[in-house]
C-alpha atoms as a PDB file:
ATOM      1  CA  MET A   1      22.386   0.600  76.948  1.00  0.00           C
ATOM      2  CA  THR A   2      23.167   4.574  75.514  1.00  0.00           C
ATOM      3  CA  ASP A   3      23.180   6.464  72.453  1.00  0.00           C
ATOM      4  CA  ALA A   4      26.350   7.824  73.652  1.00  0.00           C
ATOM      5  CA  PRO A   5      28.752   8.565  70.262  1.00  0.00           C
ATOM      6  CA  LEU A   6      31.637   6.385  72.249  1.00  0.00           C
ATOM      7  CA  SER A   7      29.256   3.486  73.961  1.00  0.00           C
ATOM      8  CA  CYS A   8      28.948   0.535  71.691  1.00  0.00           C
ATOM      9  CA  PRO A   9      25.790   0.316  70.023  1.00  0.00           C
ATOM     10  CA  ARG A  10      25.592  -3.787  70.964  1.00  0.00           C
ATOM     11  CA  CYS A  11      26.522  -3.497  74.461  1.00  0.00           C
ATOM     12  CA  GLY A  12      26.873  -0.536  75.493  1.00  0.00           C
ATOM     13  CA  SER A  13      30.382  -0.943  76.857  1.00  0.00           C
ATOM     14  CA  GLU A  14      32.498   2.559  76.036  1.00  0.00           C
ATOM     15  CA  MET A  15      34.959   2.591  73.053  1.00  0.00           C
ATOM     16  CA  LYS A  16      37.388   4.759  72.388  1.00  0.00           C
ATOM     17  CA  VAL A  17      38.925   6.659  69.814  1.00  0.00           C
ATOM     18  CA  ILE A  18      41.745   4.093  67.989  1.00  0.00           C
ATOM     19  CA  ALA A  19      42.883   6.715  65.069  1.00  0.00           C
ATOM     20  CA  LEU A  20      41.545   9.790  63.385  1.00  0.00           C
ATOM     21  CA  ILE A  21      41.873   9.833  59.557  1.00  0.00           C
ATOM     22  CA  ASP A  22      41.878  13.713  58.263  1.00  0.00           C
ATOM     23  CA  PRO A  23      40.185  15.102  55.027  1.00  0.00           C
ATOM     24  CA  PRO A  24      40.984  14.567  51.654  1.00  0.00           C
ATOM     25  CA  GLN A  25      42.058  10.498  52.304  1.00  0.00           C
ATOM     26  CA  GLY A  26      39.396   9.226  49.949  1.00  0.00           C
ATOM     27  CA  GLU A  27      42.439   6.387  49.046  1.00  0.00           C
ATOM     28  CA  VAL A  28      42.995   5.506  52.271  1.00  0.00           C
ATOM     29  CA  ILE A  29      39.575   4.954  53.876  1.00  0.00           C
ATOM     30  CA  GLU A  30      38.612   2.824  50.507  1.00  0.00           C
ATOM     31  CA  LYS A  31      41.634   0.568  50.852  1.00  0.00           C
ATOM     32  CA  ILE A  32      40.690   0.325  54.667  1.00  0.00           C
ATOM     33  CA  LEU A  33      37.064  -0.736  53.563  1.00  0.00           C
ATOM     34  CA  ARG A  34      37.513  -2.798  50.946  1.00  0.00           C
ATOM     35  CA  HIS A  35      40.147  -4.418  53.472  1.00  0.00           C
ATOM     36  CA  CYS A  36      37.154  -5.018  56.205  1.00  0.00           C
ATOM     37  CA  GLY A  37      34.399  -5.671  52.995  1.00  0.00           C
ATOM     38  CA  LEU A  38      32.199  -2.915  53.551  1.00  0.00           C
ATOM     39  CA  TRP A  39      33.639  -0.812  50.307  1.00  0.00           C
ATOM     40  CA  ARG A  40      30.597  -0.054  48.251  1.00  0.00           C
ATOM     41  CA  ALA A  41      31.701   1.858  45.003  1.00  0.00           C
ATOM     42  CA  PRO A  42      30.112   4.832  43.988  1.00  0.00           C
ATOM     43  CA  ALA A  43      27.016   4.608  41.768  1.00  0.00           C
ATOM     44  CA  PRO A  44      27.536   6.415  38.663  1.00  0.00           C
ATOM     45  CA  ARG A  45      25.762   9.620  38.411  1.00  0.00           C
ATOM     46  CA  PRO A  46      22.013   9.801  36.880  1.00  0.00           C
ATOM     47  CA  PRO A  47      21.651  12.143  33.266  1.00  0.00           C
ATOM     48  CA  PRO A  48      20.613  15.553  34.314  1.00  0.00           C
ATOM     49  CA  ASP A  49      17.161  16.637  35.814  1.00  0.00           C
ATOM     50  CA  LEU A  50      15.567  18.562  31.991  1.00  0.00           C
ATOM     51  CA  ALA A  51      13.066  19.815  34.011  1.00  0.00           C
ATOM     52  CA  GLY A  52      15.238  23.014  34.771  1.00  0.00           C
ATOM     53  CA  VAL A  53      16.353  23.481  31.150  1.00  0.00           C
ATOM     54  CA  VAL A  54      15.949  26.663  29.467  1.00  0.00           C
ATOM     55  CA  ARG A  55      13.871  25.160  25.767  1.00  0.00           C
ATOM     56  CA  ASP A  56      13.081  28.715  25.081  1.00  0.00           C
ATOM     57  CA  LEU A  57      15.546  31.131  24.242  1.00  0.00           C
ATOM     58  CA  ASP A  58      14.002  33.854  22.870  1.00  0.00           C
ATOM     59  CA  GLY A  59      14.488  36.509  24.896  1.00  0.00           C
ATOM     60  CA  CYS A  60      16.595  34.353  27.695  1.00  0.00           C
ATOM     61  CA  PHE A  61      19.863  37.013  26.594  1.00  0.00           C
ATOM     62  CA  SER A  62      17.130  40.501  26.196  1.00  0.00           C
ATOM     63  CA  ASP A  63      17.679  43.128  27.839  1.00  0.00           C
ATOM     64  CA  SER A  64      14.351  43.520  28.367  1.00  0.00           C
ATOM     65  CA  GLN A  65      12.162  40.985  29.638  1.00  0.00           C
ATOM     66  CA  ALA A  66       8.835  42.955  29.065  1.00  0.00           C
ATOM     67  CA  GLY A  67       7.443  41.855  25.777  1.00  0.00           C
ATOM     68  CA  SER A  68       7.725  39.194  23.594  1.00  0.00           C
ATOM     69  CA  SER A  69       8.337  39.288  19.680  1.00  0.00           C
ATOM     70  CA  ASP A  70       7.535  36.390  17.418  1.00  0.00           C
ATOM     71  CA  GLN A  71      10.423  36.987  15.551  1.00  0.00           C
ATOM     72  CA  PRO A  72      13.112  34.138  16.780  1.00  0.00           C
ATOM     73  CA  GLY A  73      16.258  34.630  18.386  1.00  0.00           C
ATOM     74  CA  GLU A  74      19.155  34.018  16.986  1.00  0.00           C
ATOM     75  CA  LEU A  75      21.727  31.675  18.724  1.00  0.00           C
ATOM     76  CA  THR A  76      25.495  31.418  17.634  1.00  0.00           C
ATOM     77  CA  PHE A  77      26.870  28.273  18.617  1.00  0.00           C
ATOM     78  CA  VAL A  78      31.298  28.115  18.000  1.00  0.00           C
ATOM     79  CA  ASP A  79      33.107  24.839  18.204  1.00  0.00           C
ATOM     80  CA  CYS A  80      36.978  25.749  18.694  1.00  0.00           C
ATOM     81  CA  ILE A  81      37.812  21.699  18.988  1.00  0.00           C
ATOM     82  CA  GLY A  82      40.453  21.249  16.944  1.00  0.00           C
ATOM     83  CA  SER A  83      41.341  24.978  15.816  1.00  0.00           C
ATOM     84  CA  ALA A  84      44.358  26.470  15.183  1.00  0.00           C
END
């Protein structure tokens, strides 16, 4: 038995390509896998990792990173949803 890409993993006999699906064909691939009983829905996306989130915004947007101020910085939030 060989590990060649076109050798059967069970018996080692030669396999042939009978079809080629060019991307993006996600719907076609899903339909084929569902028909064969091999489809697995993707897992839900986990929440973001908070380790890389900036928690201290003071000095984050300043021109100079040298020297830190004890004065709090100003953060402005603008909500544009529903504005005319």
